[in-house]
Amino acid sequence: MLAMRPGCECCDADLPADAGGAMICSFECTFCAACAARLGACPNCGGELLARPRRPAAKLPSYPAQTARVHKPGGC
């Protein structure tokens, strides 16, 4: 199951699990669409950034998104 990280690693923008706009690599590094477009690839692993699927709001109580934020502005 995807961790569904709550924010962009570069700019720390909120990325709710049940909303669009998040991009992830195969290691689940998470970025907002604006930072992903600027970066072109994951700055951590060099991997491809693809749209993260949304988790249906009805499933969030049973399968909550991760709450710990990863913020690495120096690497972006």
PDB file of N, CA and C in Angstrom:
ATOM      1  N   MET A   1       0.843  -1.169   0.000  1.00  0.00           N
ATOM      2  CA  MET A   1       0.000   0.000   0.000  1.00  0.00           C
ATOM      3  C   MET A   1       0.897   1.243   0.000  1.00  0.00           C
ATOM      4  N   LEU A   2       0.534   2.239  -0.796  1.00  0.00           N
ATOM      5  CA  LEU A   2       1.297   3.478  -0.857  1.00  0.00           C
ATOM      6  C   LEU A   2       1.232   4.217   0.470  1.00  0.00           C
ATOM      7  N   ALA A   3       2.341   4.856   0.831  1.00  0.00           N
ATOM      8  CA  ALA A   3       2.393   5.614   2.078  1.00  0.00           C
ATOM      9  C   ALA A   3       1.531   6.873   2.012  1.00  0.00           C
ATOM     10  N   MET A   4       1.330   7.431   0.829  1.00  0.00           N
ATOM     11  CA  MET A   4       0.550   8.649   0.639  1.00  0.00           C
ATOM     12  C   MET A   4       1.100   9.776   1.520  1.00  0.00           C
ATOM     13  N   ARG A   5       2.347  10.148   1.262  1.00  0.00           N
ATOM     14  CA  ARG A   5       2.986  11.208   2.043  1.00  0.00           C
ATOM     15  C   ARG A   5       2.204  12.507   1.906  1.00  0.00           C
ATOM     16  N   PRO A   6       2.125  13.282   2.999  1.00  0.00           N
ATOM     17  CA  PRO A   6       1.218  14.428   3.038  1.00  0.00           C
ATOM     18  C   PRO A   6       1.720  15.729   2.417  1.00  0.00           C
ATOM     19  N   GLY A   7       2.985  15.781   1.979  1.00  0.00           N
ATOM     20  CA  GLY A   7       3.491  17.047   1.458  1.00  0.00           C
ATOM     21  C   GLY A   7       4.605  16.877   0.450  1.00  0.00           C
ATOM     22  N   CYS A   8       4.854  17.957  -0.291  1.00  0.00           N
ATOM     23  CA  CYS A   8       5.929  17.988  -1.287  1.00  0.00           C
ATOM     24  C   CYS A   8       7.282  18.046  -0.593  1.00  0.00           C
ATOM     25  N   GLU A   9       8.215  17.232  -1.037  1.00  0.00           N
ATOM     26  CA  GLU A   9       9.546  17.214  -0.437  1.00  0.00           C
ATOM     27  C   GLU A   9      10.321  18.498  -0.709  1.00  0.00           C
ATOM     28  N   CYS A  10       9.975  19.221  -1.764  1.00  0.00           N
ATOM     29  CA  CYS A  10      10.700  20.453  -2.097  1.00  0.00           C
ATOM     30  C   CYS A  10      10.108  21.688  -1.425  1.00  0.00           C
ATOM     31  N   CYS A  11       8.822  21.937  -1.678  1.00  0.00           N
ATOM     32  CA  CYS A  11       8.212  23.190  -1.199  1.00  0.00           C
ATOM     33  C   CYS A  11       7.301  22.992   0.007  1.00  0.00           C
ATOM     34  N   ASP A  12       7.094  21.762   0.440  1.00  0.00           N
ATOM     35  CA  ASP A  12       6.265  21.405   1.592  1.00  0.00           C
ATOM     36  C   ASP A  12       4.782  21.733   1.394  1.00  0.00           C
ATOM     37  N   ALA A  13       4.332  21.872   0.136  1.00  0.00           N
ATOM     38  CA  ALA A  13       2.909  22.088  -0.137  1.00  0.00           C
ATOM     39  C   ALA A  13       2.112  20.878   0.332  1.00  0.00           C
ATOM     40  N   ASP A  14       0.920  21.111   0.842  1.00  0.00           N
ATOM     41  CA  ASP A  14       0.044  20.025   1.267  1.00  0.00           C
ATOM     42  C   ASP A  14      -0.416  19.211   0.062  1.00  0.00           C
ATOM     43  N   LEU A  15      -0.384  17.895   0.189  1.00  0.00           N
ATOM     44  CA  LEU A  15      -0.824  16.970  -0.857  1.00  0.00           C
ATOM     45  C   LEU A  15      -1.740  15.918  -0.236  1.00  0.00           C
ATOM     46  N   PRO A  16      -3.019  16.273  -0.041  1.00  0.00           N
ATOM     47  CA  PRO A  16      -3.952  15.334   0.584  1.00  0.00           C
ATOM     48  C   PRO A  16      -4.065  14.025  -0.207  1.00  0.00           C
ATOM     49  N   ALA A  17      -4.235  12.947   0.502  1.00  0.00           N
ATOM     50  CA  ALA A  17      -4.293  11.618  -0.113  1.00  0.00           C
ATOM     51  C   ALA A  17      -5.488  11.439  -1.041  1.00  0.00           C
ATOM     52  N   ASP A  18      -6.568  12.180  -0.795  1.00  0.00           N
ATOM     53  CA  ASP A  18      -7.759  12.024  -1.619  1.00  0.00           C
ATOM     54  C   ASP A  18      -7.884  13.104  -2.694  1.00  0.00           C
ATOM     55  N   ALA A  19      -6.790  13.834  -2.946  1.00  0.00           N
ATOM     56  CA  ALA A  19      -6.784  14.885  -3.969  1.00  0.00           C
ATOM     57  C   ALA A  19      -5.696  14.609  -4.995  1.00  0.00           C
ATOM     58  N   GLY A  20      -5.829  15.186  -6.139  1.00  0.00           N
ATOM     59  CA  GLY A  20      -4.811  15.052  -7.181  1.00  0.00           C
ATOM     60  C   GLY A  20      -3.673  16.039  -6.959  1.00  0.00           C
ATOM     61  N   GLY A  21      -2.732  16.035  -7.875  1.00  0.00           N
ATOM     62  CA  GLY A  21      -1.650  17.013  -7.827  1.00  0.00           C
ATOM     63  C   GLY A  21      -0.343  16.506  -7.268  1.00  0.00           C
ATOM     64  N   ALA A  22      -0.286  15.275  -6.812  1.00  0.00           N
ATOM     65  CA  ALA A  22       0.951  14.715  -6.277  1.00  0.00           C
ATOM     66  C   ALA A  22       1.633  13.841  -7.328  1.00  0.00           C
ATOM     67  N   MET A  23       2.946  13.905  -7.360  1.00  0.00           N
ATOM     68  CA  MET A  23       3.760  13.091  -8.264  1.00  0.00           C
ATOM     69  C   MET A  23       4.705  12.259  -7.399  1.00  0.00           C
ATOM     70  N   ILE A  24       4.900  10.975  -7.768  1.00  0.00           N
ATOM     71  CA  ILE A  24       5.781  10.097  -7.002  1.00  0.00           C
ATOM     72  C   ILE A  24       6.708   9.322  -7.929  1.00  0.00           C
ATOM     73  N   CYS A  25       7.834   8.864  -7.357  1.00  0.00           N
ATOM     74  CA  CYS A  25       8.732   7.954  -8.066  1.00  0.00           C
ATOM     75  C   CYS A  25       8.490   6.548  -7.518  1.00  0.00           C
ATOM     76  N   SER A  26       9.242   5.579  -7.970  1.00  0.00           N
ATOM     77  CA  SER A  26       9.029   4.202  -7.521  1.00  0.00           C
ATOM     78  C   SER A  26       9.397   3.989  -6.051  1.00  0.00           C
ATOM     79  N   PHE A  27      10.120   4.935  -5.449  1.00  0.00           N
ATOM     80  CA  PHE A  27      10.459   4.857  -4.026  1.00  0.00           C
ATOM     81  C   PHE A  27       9.486   5.678  -3.181  1.00  0.00           C
ATOM     82  N   GLU A  28       8.445   6.217  -3.816  1.00  0.00           N
ATOM     83  CA  GLU A  28       7.414   7.027  -3.186  1.00  0.00           C
ATOM     84  C   GLU A  28       7.894   8.392  -2.721  1.00  0.00           C
ATOM     85  N   CYS A  29       9.029   8.866  -3.256  1.00  0.00           N
ATOM     86  CA  CYS A  29       9.400  10.256  -3.030  1.00  0.00           C
ATOM     87  C   CYS A  29       8.243  11.058  -3.615  1.00  0.00           C
ATOM     88  N   THR A  30       7.808  12.100  -2.933  1.00  0.00           N
ATOM     89  CA  THR A  30       6.570  12.783  -3.293  1.00  0.00           C
ATOM     90  C   THR A  30       6.807  14.268  -3.527  1.00  0.00           C
ATOM     91  N   PHE A  31       6.250  14.761  -4.633  1.00  0.00           N
ATOM     92  CA  PHE A  31       6.419  16.162  -5.028  1.00  0.00           C
ATOM     93  C   PHE A  31       5.103  16.697  -5.560  1.00  0.00           C
ATOM     94  N   CYS A  32       4.906  18.015  -5.434  1.00  0.00           N
ATOM     95  CA  CYS A  32       3.742  18.631  -6.055  1.00  0.00           C
ATOM     96  C   CYS A  32       3.996  18.697  -7.563  1.00  0.00           C
ATOM     97  N   ALA A  33       2.948  18.900  -8.340  1.00  0.00           N
ATOM     98  CA  ALA A  33       3.076  18.920  -9.797  1.00  0.00           C
ATOM     99  C   ALA A  33       4.008  20.026 -10.269  1.00  0.00           C
ATOM    100  N   ALA A  34       3.979  21.191  -9.617  1.00  0.00           N
ATOM    101  CA  ALA A  34       4.834  22.308 -10.028  1.00  0.00           C
ATOM    102  C   ALA A  34       6.311  21.982  -9.820  1.00  0.00           C
ATOM    103  N   CYS A  35       6.669  21.436  -8.677  1.00  0.00           N
ATOM    104  CA  CYS A  35       8.072  21.072  -8.419  1.00  0.00           C
ATOM    105  C   CYS A  35       8.499  19.925  -9.330  1.00  0.00           C
ATOM    106  N   ALA A  36       7.626  18.950  -9.542  1.00  0.00           N
ATOM    107  CA  ALA A  36       7.954  17.818 -10.413  1.00  0.00           C
ATOM    108  C   ALA A  36       8.229  18.290 -11.832  1.00  0.00           C
ATOM    109  N   ALA A  37       7.440  19.247 -12.320  1.00  0.00           N
ATOM    110  CA  ALA A  37       7.643  19.777 -13.671  1.00  0.00           C
ATOM    111  C   ALA A  37       8.992  20.481 -13.767  1.00  0.00           C
ATOM    112  N   ARG A  38       9.350  21.208 -12.721  1.00  0.00           N
ATOM    113  CA  ARG A  38      10.630  21.919 -12.701  1.00  0.00           C
ATOM    114  C   ARG A  38      11.807  20.953 -12.606  1.00  0.00           C
ATOM    115  N   LEU A  39      11.647  19.900 -11.818  1.00  0.00           N
ATOM    116  CA  LEU A  39      12.726  18.937 -11.592  1.00  0.00           C
ATOM    117  C   LEU A  39      12.910  17.985 -12.780  1.00  0.00           C
ATOM    118  N   GLY A  40      11.824  17.518 -13.345  1.00  0.00           N
ATOM    119  CA  GLY A  40      11.880  16.586 -14.462  1.00  0.00           C
ATOM    120  C   GLY A  40      12.066  15.134 -14.059  1.00  0.00           C
ATOM    121  N   ALA A  41      12.758  14.884 -12.977  1.00  0.00           N
ATOM    122  CA  ALA A  41      12.986  13.532 -12.448  1.00  0.00           C
ATOM    123  C   ALA A  41      13.169  13.649 -10.940  1.00  0.00           C
ATOM    124  N   CYS A  42      13.085  12.545 -10.243  1.00  0.00           N
ATOM    125  CA  CYS A  42      13.262  12.554  -8.795  1.00  0.00           C
ATOM    126  C   CYS A  42      14.697  12.974  -8.463  1.00  0.00           C
ATOM    127  N   PRO A  43      14.876  14.012  -7.640  1.00  0.00           N
ATOM    128  CA  PRO A  43      16.224  14.431  -7.284  1.00  0.00           C
ATOM    129  C   PRO A  43      16.931  13.459  -6.333  1.00  0.00           C
ATOM    130  N   ASN A  44      16.168  12.564  -5.714  1.00  0.00           N
ATOM    131  CA  ASN A  44      16.752  11.606  -4.777  1.00  0.00           C
ATOM    132  C   ASN A  44      17.329  10.380  -5.480  1.00  0.00           C
ATOM    133  N   CYS A  45      16.580   9.857  -6.460  1.00  0.00           N
ATOM    134  CA  CYS A  45      16.991   8.600  -7.095  1.00  0.00           C
ATOM    135  C   CYS A  45      17.134   8.689  -8.611  1.00  0.00           C
ATOM    136  N   GLY A  46      16.695   9.821  -9.191  1.00  0.00           N
ATOM    137  CA  GLY A  46      16.756   9.967 -10.640  1.00  0.00           C
ATOM    138  C   GLY A  46      15.616   9.286 -11.360  1.00  0.00           C
ATOM    139  N   GLY A  47      14.678   8.754 -10.602  1.00  0.00           N
ATOM    140  CA  GLY A  47      13.562   8.017 -11.188  1.00  0.00           C
ATOM    141  C   GLY A  47      12.498   8.905 -11.807  1.00  0.00           C
ATOM    142  N   GLU A  48      11.655   8.262 -12.591  1.00  0.00           N
ATOM    143  CA  GLU A  48      10.550   8.921 -13.271  1.00  0.00           C
ATOM    144  C   GLU A  48       9.483   9.338 -12.258  1.00  0.00           C
ATOM    145  N   LEU A  49       8.944  10.527 -12.425  1.00  0.00           N
ATOM    146  CA  LEU A  49       7.872  11.010 -11.568  1.00  0.00           C
ATOM    147  C   LEU A  49       6.543  10.872 -12.306  1.00  0.00           C
ATOM    148  N   LEU A  50       5.615  10.166 -11.668  1.00  0.00           N
ATOM    149  CA  LEU A  50       4.302   9.903 -12.248  1.00  0.00           C
ATOM    150  C   LEU A  50       3.219  10.358 -11.279  1.00  0.00           C
ATOM    151  N   ALA A  51       2.028  10.591 -11.796  1.00  0.00           N
ATOM    152  CA  ALA A  51       0.916  11.010 -10.949  1.00  0.00           C
ATOM    153  C   ALA A  51       0.605   9.943  -9.900  1.00  0.00           C
ATOM    154  N   ARG A  52       0.476  10.383  -8.655  1.00  0.00           N
ATOM    155  CA  ARG A  52       0.109   9.476  -7.573  1.00  0.00           C
ATOM    156  C   ARG A  52      -1.397   9.255  -7.626  1.00  0.00           C
ATOM    157  N   PRO A  53      -1.852   8.014  -7.524  1.00  0.00           N
ATOM    158  CA  PRO A  53      -3.302   7.781  -7.509  1.00  0.00           C
ATOM    159  C   PRO A  53      -3.920   8.352  -6.233  1.00  0.00           C
ATOM    160  N   ARG A  54      -5.170   8.691  -6.322  1.00  0.00           N
ATOM    161  CA  ARG A  54      -5.903   9.189  -5.155  1.00  0.00           C
ATOM    162  C   ARG A  54      -6.398   8.011  -4.333  1.00  0.00           C
ATOM    163  N   ARG A  55      -6.428   8.191  -3.036  1.00  0.00           N
ATOM    164  CA  ARG A  55      -7.047   7.184  -2.169  1.00  0.00           C
ATOM    165  C   ARG A  55      -8.478   7.663  -1.909  1.00  0.00           C
ATOM    166  N   PRO A  56      -9.468   6.850  -2.179  1.00  0.00           N
ATOM    167  CA  PRO A  56     -10.854   7.278  -1.958  1.00  0.00           C
ATOM    168  C   PRO A  56     -11.062   7.730  -0.508  1.00  0.00           C
ATOM    169  N   ALA A  57     -11.759   8.847  -0.337  1.00  0.00           N
ATOM    170  CA  ALA A  57     -11.992   9.399   1.002  1.00  0.00           C
ATOM    171  C   ALA A  57     -12.647   8.380   1.925  1.00  0.00           C
ATOM    172  N   ALA A  58     -13.502   7.522   1.399  1.00  0.00           N
ATOM    173  CA  ALA A  58     -14.173   6.511   2.223  1.00  0.00           C
ATOM    174  C   ALA A  58     -13.196   5.475   2.773  1.00  0.00           C
ATOM    175  N   LYS A  59     -12.049   5.299   2.140  1.00  0.00           N
ATOM    176  CA  LYS A  59     -11.060   4.310   2.590  1.00  0.00           C
ATOM    177  C   LYS A  59     -10.046   4.903   3.570  1.00  0.00           C
ATOM    178  N   LEU A  60      -9.956   6.230   3.656  1.00  0.00           N
ATOM    179  CA  LEU A  60      -8.952   6.850   4.523  1.00  0.00           C
ATOM    180  C   LEU A  60      -9.091   6.498   6.003  1.00  0.00           C
ATOM    181  N   PRO A  61     -10.302   6.357   6.553  1.00  0.00           N
ATOM    182  CA  PRO A  61     -10.386   5.964   7.964  1.00  0.00           C
ATOM    183  C   PRO A  61      -9.750   4.589   8.233  1.00  0.00           C
ATOM    184  N   SER A  62      -9.931   3.645   7.335  1.00  0.00           N
ATOM    185  CA  SER A  62      -9.364   2.307   7.509  1.00  0.00           C
ATOM    186  C   SER A  62      -7.923   2.213   7.049  1.00  0.00           C
ATOM    187  N   TYR A  63      -7.554   3.027   6.055  1.00  0.00           N
ATOM    188  CA  TYR A  63      -6.216   3.006   5.467  1.00  0.00           C
ATOM    189  C   TYR A  63      -5.693   4.439   5.403  1.00  0.00           C
ATOM    190  N   PRO A  64      -5.318   4.990   6.566  1.00  0.00           N
ATOM    191  CA  PRO A  64      -4.932   6.404   6.600  1.00  0.00           C
ATOM    192  C   PRO A  64      -3.622   6.682   5.865  1.00  0.00           C
ATOM    193  N   ALA A  65      -3.510   7.906   5.413  1.00  0.00           N
ATOM    194  CA  ALA A  65      -2.277   8.362   4.778  1.00  0.00           C
ATOM    195  C   ALA A  65      -1.215   8.563   5.853  1.00  0.00           C
ATOM    196  N   GLN A  66       0.023   8.551   5.437  1.00  0.00           N
ATOM    197  CA  GLN A  66       1.140   8.821   6.340  1.00  0.00           C
ATOM    198  C   GLN A  66       1.004  10.246   6.873  1.00  0.00           C
ATOM    199  N   THR A  67       1.437  10.487   8.091  1.00  0.00           N
ATOM    200  CA  THR A  67       1.371  11.840   8.658  1.00  0.00           C
ATOM    201  C   THR A  67       2.738  12.501   8.743  1.00  0.00           C
ATOM    202  N   ALA A  68       3.804  11.714   8.751  1.00  0.00           N
ATOM    203  CA  ALA A  68       5.157  12.284   8.830  1.00  0.00           C
ATOM    204  C   ALA A  68       5.515  12.949   7.507  1.00  0.00           C
ATOM    205  N   ARG A  69       5.992  14.182   7.592  1.00  0.00           N
ATOM    206  CA  ARG A  69       6.358  14.937   6.403  1.00  0.00           C
ATOM    207  C   ARG A  69       7.849  14.769   6.117  1.00  0.00           C
ATOM    208  N   VAL A  70       8.197  14.723   4.835  1.00  0.00           N
ATOM    209  CA  VAL A  70       9.588  14.685   4.382  1.00  0.00           C
ATOM    210  C   VAL A  70       9.800  15.990   3.630  1.00  0.00           C
ATOM    211  N   HIS A  71      10.718  16.826   4.124  1.00  0.00           N
ATOM    212  CA  HIS A  71      10.968  18.110   3.486  1.00  0.00           C
ATOM    213  C   HIS A  71      12.472  18.289   3.325  1.00  0.00           C
ATOM    214  N   LYS A  72      12.939  18.312   2.071  1.00  0.00           N
ATOM    215  CA  LYS A  72      14.366  18.421   1.758  1.00  0.00           C
ATOM    216  C   LYS A  72      14.599  19.551   0.757  1.00  0.00           C
ATOM    217  N   PRO A  73      14.336  20.801   1.140  1.00  0.00           N
ATOM    218  CA  PRO A  73      14.433  21.891   0.164  1.00  0.00           C
ATOM    219  C   PRO A  73      15.824  22.066  -0.429  1.00  0.00           C
ATOM    220  N   GLY A  74      16.844  21.676   0.259  1.00  0.00           N
ATOM    221  CA  GLY A  74      18.215  21.812  -0.250  1.00  0.00           C
ATOM    222  C   GLY A  74      18.503  20.892  -1.425  1.00  0.00           C
ATOM    223  N   GLY A  75      17.775  19.792  -1.549  1.00  0.00           N
ATOM    224  CA  GLY A  75      18.007  18.844  -2.627  1.00  0.00           C
ATOM    225  C   GLY A  75      17.196  19.118  -3.879  1.00  0.00           C
ATOM    226  N   CYS A  76      16.433  20.187  -3.866  1.00  0.00           N
ATOM    227  CA  CYS A  76      15.562  20.501  -5.002  1.00  0.00           C
ATOM    228  C   CYS A  76      16.131  21.667  -5.743  1.00  0.00           C
TER     229      CYS A  76
END
